[in-house]
Protein backbone atom coordinates (compact mmCIF):
# COMPACT_ATOMS: atom_id res chain seq x y z
CA MET A 1 -0.04 -0.08 -0.05
CA LYS A 2 2.77 2.34 1.02
CA ILE A 3 4.69 1.71 -2.55
CA GLN A 4 1.35 2.37 -4.54
CA LEU A 5 0.69 6.06 -2.48
CA LEU A 6 4.62 6.64 -2.91
CA LEU A 7 4.02 5.92 -6.66
CA LEU A 8 0.90 8.27 -7.04
CA ALA A 9 2.43 10.90 -5.34
CA THR A 10 5.66 10.83 -7.83
CA LEU A 11 3.45 10.49 -10.86
CA LEU A 12 1.18 13.71 -9.67
CA LEU A 13 4.15 15.67 -8.82
CA ALA A 14 5.74 14.75 -12.27
CA GLY A 15 2.48 15.54 -14.29
CA CYS A 16 1.78 18.67 -11.89
CA GLY A 17 1.01 21.81 -13.43
CA THR A 18 3.00 24.16 -11.09
CA VAL A 19 6.26 21.83 -11.68
CA GLN A 20 5.58 21.90 -15.55
CA THR A 21 5.26 25.87 -15.75
CA VAL A 22 7.27 27.15 -12.71
CA VAL A 23 10.16 24.74 -12.11
CA ARG A 24 10.95 23.52 -15.75
CA GLY A 25 11.39 25.77 -18.67
CA ASP A 26 8.71 27.67 -20.46
CA ASP A 27 9.39 25.45 -23.51
CA VAL A 28 8.54 22.47 -21.76
CA ALA A 29 4.82 23.90 -21.16
CA VAL A 30 4.87 25.26 -24.65
CA LYS A 31 5.90 21.85 -26.13
CA SER A 32 3.33 19.88 -23.76
CA LEU A 33 0.09 22.08 -24.56
CA LYS A 34 0.84 22.04 -28.23
CA GLU A 35 1.14 18.26 -28.14
CA GLN A 36 -2.38 18.00 -26.29
CA LYS A 37 -3.47 20.40 -28.78
CA SER A 38 -4.68 22.74 -26.44
CA TYR A 39 -6.96 25.62 -27.26
CA CYS A 40 -5.17 28.02 -25.01
CA GLY A 41 -3.25 30.92 -26.41
CA ALA A 42 -1.00 31.78 -23.27
CA VAL A 43 -0.67 30.52 -19.50
CA PRO A 44 -0.24 33.60 -17.22
CA ARG A 45 2.39 33.14 -14.57
CA ILE A 46 0.07 33.69 -11.56
CA TYR A 47 -1.38 30.41 -10.93
CA SER A 48 0.41 29.08 -14.00
CA GLY A 49 -0.37 25.58 -12.61
CA VAL A 50 -3.85 25.40 -12.26
CA THR A 51 -4.12 27.34 -15.74
CA TYR A 52 -1.80 24.77 -17.22
CA ASP A 53 -4.10 21.90 -15.99
CA PHE A 54 -7.36 23.71 -17.06
CA CYS A 55 -5.55 24.30 -20.43
CA SER A 56 -4.84 20.49 -20.41
CA LEU A 57 -8.56 19.50 -20.04
CA ASN A 58 -9.69 22.32 -22.71
CA ALA A 59 -7.83 20.03 -25.63
CA PRO A 60 -9.63 17.87 -28.04
CA LEU A 61 -9.74 14.23 -27.24
CA GLY A 62 -6.95 12.18 -28.47
CA THR A 63 -7.42 10.09 -31.40
CA GLY A 64 -9.19 6.73 -31.37
CA LEU A 65 -10.82 7.43 -27.96
CA ASP A 66 -14.51 7.32 -27.44
CA PRO A 67 -16.18 10.48 -25.70
CA GLN A 68 -18.62 8.07 -23.91
CA ASN A 69 -15.74 5.91 -22.55
CA HIS A 70 -15.25 7.89 -19.18
CA THR A 71 -11.52 7.08 -17.79
CA PHE A 72 -9.90 8.73 -14.60
CA ALA A 73 -7.79 11.23 -16.34
CA PRO A 74 -10.32 14.38 -15.62
CA ALA A 75 -10.32 13.00 -12.15
CA ILE A 76 -6.68 13.03 -11.76
CA VAL A 77 -6.43 16.61 -13.40
CA LEU A 78 -8.88 18.09 -11.10
CA ILE A 79 -7.01 16.37 -8.05
CA ASP A 80 -3.88 18.06 -9.66
CA VAL A 81 -5.76 21.37 -9.81
CA VAL A 82 -6.42 21.14 -6.06
CA ILE A 83 -2.31 20.26 -5.45
CA SER A 84 -1.26 22.68 -8.22
CA GLY A 85 -3.42 25.60 -6.27
CA ALA A 86 -2.07 25.01 -3.25
CA PHE A 87 1.77 25.02 -4.55
CA ASP A 88 0.82 28.41 -6.65
CA THR A 89 -0.53 29.92 -3.70
CA LEU A 90 2.97 29.24 -1.97
CA LEU A 91 4.76 30.35 -4.74
CA LEU A 92 3.00 33.71 -5.65
CA PRO A 93 5.58 36.15 -4.82
CA TYR A 94 7.90 34.83 -7.26
CA THR A 95 5.22 34.19 -9.82
CA ILE A 96 4.00 37.70 -9.79
CA TYR A 97 7.58 38.88 -10.10
CA ARG A 98 8.02 36.69 -13.31
CA GLN A 99 4.77 37.82 -14.90
CA GLN A 100 5.92 41.32 -14.25
CA ALA A 101 9.38 40.81 -15.55
CA ASP A 102 8.64 38.34 -18.33
CA GLY A 103 5.28 38.25 -19.13
CA SER A 104 2.71 35.02 -19.92
CA ILE A 105 4.01 32.00 -21.49
CA VAL A 106 2.78 32.14 -24.82
CA ILE A 107 1.70 28.90 -26.40
CA ASN A 108 0.57 29.86 -29.84
């Protein structure tokens, strides 16, 4: 049971929106959202993890997937929204500075 929880925590942090947008370079977030064909044009740096997660949800359904076949993917992203929201709040002074200095992360 402990191994499964550790694995779940590792997977959530690896795909965490805050990690994708704050810790890693802008090009990683841009590449990921372009691969998902998200409709978002830019991600503001303030609460960027939450925005990144919603941009992931705002992408077309992958090829060969049935829209009537509900998976746990949206639920996992919604759990990540809560985790990203907490991390984004902790990093708020830094992201406000980065927003002023660098502007939003432009996707398109």
